[in-house]
Protein backbone atom coordinates (compact mmCIF):
# COMPACT_ATOMS: atom_id res chain seq x y z
CA MET A 1 151.15 52.20 164.76
CA LYS A 2 151.68 55.87 163.75
CA LYS A 3 150.01 55.20 160.44
CA SER A 4 146.74 53.96 162.12
CA TYR A 5 146.56 57.01 164.43
CA PHE A 6 147.09 59.36 161.46
CA LEU A 7 144.22 57.56 159.61
CA LEU A 8 141.96 57.78 162.63
CA ILE A 9 142.64 61.48 162.99
CA ILE A 10 141.77 62.11 159.31
CA VAL A 11 138.52 60.11 159.60
CA LEU A 12 137.54 62.09 162.70
CA VAL A 13 138.26 65.39 160.96
CA ILE A 14 136.18 64.43 157.98
CA LEU A 15 133.27 63.35 160.19
CA VAL A 16 133.33 66.53 162.23
CA ALA A 17 133.45 68.64 159.06
CA ALA A 18 130.48 66.70 157.61
CA VAL A 19 128.40 67.26 160.80
CA ILE A 20 129.18 71.00 160.79
CA LEU A 21 128.25 71.38 157.16
CA ARG A 22 125.00 69.42 157.72
CA LEU A 23 124.00 71.56 160.62
CA THR A 24 124.82 74.88 158.95
CA ALA A 25 123.36 74.17 155.42
CA LYS A 26 120.12 75.97 154.55
CA PRO A 27 118.14 74.02 151.95
CA VAL A 28 116.20 75.80 149.22
CA SER A 29 112.95 74.48 150.61
CA ASP A 30 113.41 76.64 153.75
CA LEU A 31 112.28 79.67 151.72
CA PRO A 32 109.46 81.54 153.41
CA ALA A 33 105.96 80.84 152.01
CA GLU A 34 105.73 84.46 150.72
CA ASN A 35 108.44 83.56 148.19
CA LEU A 36 106.05 81.06 146.61
CA THR A 37 104.19 82.96 143.99
CA PRO A 38 102.86 82.08 140.53
CA ASN A 39 105.91 83.72 139.02
CA ASN A 40 108.30 81.75 141.17
CA PRO A 41 109.28 78.47 139.49
CA VAL A 42 110.73 77.07 142.73
CA ALA A 43 107.06 76.83 143.93
CA THR A 44 106.37 74.04 141.53
CA SER A 45 109.29 71.88 142.49
CA MET A 46 109.42 71.65 146.28
CA ALA A 47 107.68 70.92 149.42
CA VAL A 48 107.68 73.58 152.24
CA SER A 49 107.89 72.46 155.76
CA PRO A 50 109.15 73.57 159.15
CA ASN A 51 111.13 70.26 158.90
CA THR A 52 112.26 70.72 155.28
CA GLU A 53 110.87 67.78 153.26
CA PRO A 54 113.16 66.69 150.47
CA ALA A 55 112.30 67.57 146.89
CA GLY A 56 110.50 64.79 145.07
CA GLU A 57 108.07 63.99 147.84
CA VAL A 58 105.09 65.04 145.74
CA LEU A 59 104.43 65.25 141.93
CA VAL A 60 101.19 66.83 140.80
CA THR A 61 100.49 65.73 137.20
CA SER A 62 97.18 67.78 136.87
CA PRO A 63 96.88 70.62 136.97
CA VAL A 64 100.31 71.76 135.77
CA ALA A 65 101.92 74.88 137.18
CA GLY A 66 100.33 78.04 135.88
CA ALA A 67 97.29 76.23 134.45
CA LEU A 68 93.96 78.00 133.91
CA ILE A 69 91.56 76.00 136.09
CA THR A 70 87.77 75.71 136.32
CA SER A 71 85.40 73.99 138.72
CA PRO A 72 85.28 71.03 139.21
CA LEU A 73 89.01 70.60 139.23
CA GLN A 74 90.29 67.07 138.98
CA VAL A 75 93.65 66.78 140.72
CA THR A 76 96.03 63.88 140.02
CA GLY A 77 99.50 63.08 141.14
CA GLN A 78 101.69 61.04 143.29
CA ALA A 79 102.99 61.43 146.91
CA LYS A 80 105.23 59.38 149.16
CA GLY A 81 103.30 56.98 151.38
CA ASN A 82 104.11 58.93 154.54
CA TRP A 83 102.04 61.94 153.24
CA PHE A 84 98.86 59.87 153.55
CA PHE A 85 96.78 58.88 156.60
CA GLU A 86 94.18 56.28 156.15
CA ALA A 87 94.65 56.45 152.39
CA SER A 88 93.93 60.20 152.11
CA LEU A 89 95.71 63.47 152.09
CA PRO A 90 94.33 66.99 152.15
CA LEU A 91 93.92 69.15 149.09
CA ARG A 92 93.34 72.97 149.36
CA LEU A 93 92.77 75.71 146.86
CA VAL A 94 93.76 79.19 148.04
CA ASP A 95 93.84 82.52 146.32
CA ALA A 96 96.99 84.65 145.96
CA ASP A 97 96.46 86.10 149.39
CA ASN A 98 96.24 82.59 150.99
CA ASN A 99 92.44 82.83 151.62
CA LEU A 100 90.88 79.33 151.50
CA VAL A 101 88.73 78.88 148.36
CA THR A 102 87.91 75.17 148.99
CA SER A 103 89.36 71.97 150.38
CA SER A 104 88.70 68.21 149.99
CA PRO A 105 90.69 65.09 150.60
CA ALA A 106 92.43 63.18 147.82
CA GLN A 107 92.37 59.37 147.81
CA ALA A 108 95.29 57.00 147.38
CA GLN A 109 94.94 54.83 144.35
CA GLY A 110 96.98 52.06 145.79
CA GLY A 111 98.65 50.80 148.87
CA TRP A 112 99.60 53.81 150.89
CA MET A 113 101.51 52.18 153.76
CA THR A 114 104.86 52.38 151.91
CA THR A 115 107.83 54.67 151.54
CA SER A 116 107.37 54.70 147.73
CA SER A 117 105.19 57.10 145.72
CA VAL A 118 101.55 56.39 145.65
CA PRO A 119 99.16 57.74 142.97
CA PHE A 120 96.26 59.93 144.23
CA THR A 121 93.27 61.67 142.81
CA GLY A 122 90.78 64.21 144.17
CA THR A 123 88.19 66.69 143.00
CA LEU A 124 87.78 70.33 144.14
CA THR A 125 84.54 72.19 143.52
CA PHE A 126 84.81 76.00 143.87
CA THR A 127 83.70 79.45 143.01
CA THR A 128 86.00 82.51 143.36
CA ASP A 129 86.53 86.04 141.97
CA ALA A 130 90.31 85.60 142.45
CA THR A 131 92.46 85.44 139.31
CA SER A 132 95.29 83.41 140.70
CA GLY A 133 96.24 81.22 143.60
CA PHE A 134 97.67 77.89 144.60
CA LEU A 135 96.64 74.29 144.72
CA ILE A 136 98.08 72.86 147.97
CA VAL A 137 98.74 69.22 148.57
CA ALA A 138 99.26 68.78 152.35
CA LYS A 139 100.91 66.07 154.24
CA ASP A 140 98.15 64.54 156.38
CA ASN A 141 99.20 65.16 159.98
CA PRO A 142 96.89 63.50 162.45
CA SER A 143 99.31 64.20 165.27
CA GLY A 144 98.87 67.95 164.87
CA LEU A 145 102.51 68.46 165.61
CA PRO A 146 104.02 71.33 163.50
CA ALA A 147 107.14 69.26 162.99
CA ASN A 148 105.11 66.78 160.90
CA ASP A 149 103.53 69.47 158.69
CA ALA A 150 104.50 69.81 154.97
CA VAL A 151 102.87 71.24 151.89
CA PHE A 152 103.45 71.24 148.20
CA ARG A 153 102.20 74.32 146.29
CA VAL A 154 101.31 74.51 142.59
CA PRO A 155 100.51 78.02 141.21
CA VAL A 156 97.26 78.14 139.27
CA ARG A 157 95.11 80.73 137.49
CA PHE A 158 91.31 80.87 137.96
CA LYS A 159 89.06 81.16 134.87
């Protein structure tokens, strides 16, 4: 009988410690948006969200981080199905000061009602005098709730 109480107490202590660690941990993706600059390699490997999306939600295959881009820009990649709504997700191009250069939806290239990664493609046509900025892949959020927002930023250079 004493042995079972002892094991129960150990299990409870481990569970309480795990909950405390989970509540106090601050993931890398909680970095403020101002830390995401073309010289910051973290910007190419994470999503930024008020709700902290796990890494690996989005993969942009073109353009690559730091690429010199021209208009029209063909964007390709993959995103988890929950980033899409009605088979599309928003693409935005902003300058280094976060001023919008252009935006357009990207289209899913397969079934998007899944938890798996779905290929997407989109085209952005633009003109700008800026020298650098970001391609932003946004999680489509028809609810408008900030808790459902997430973005993935890829630093780019304008030709």
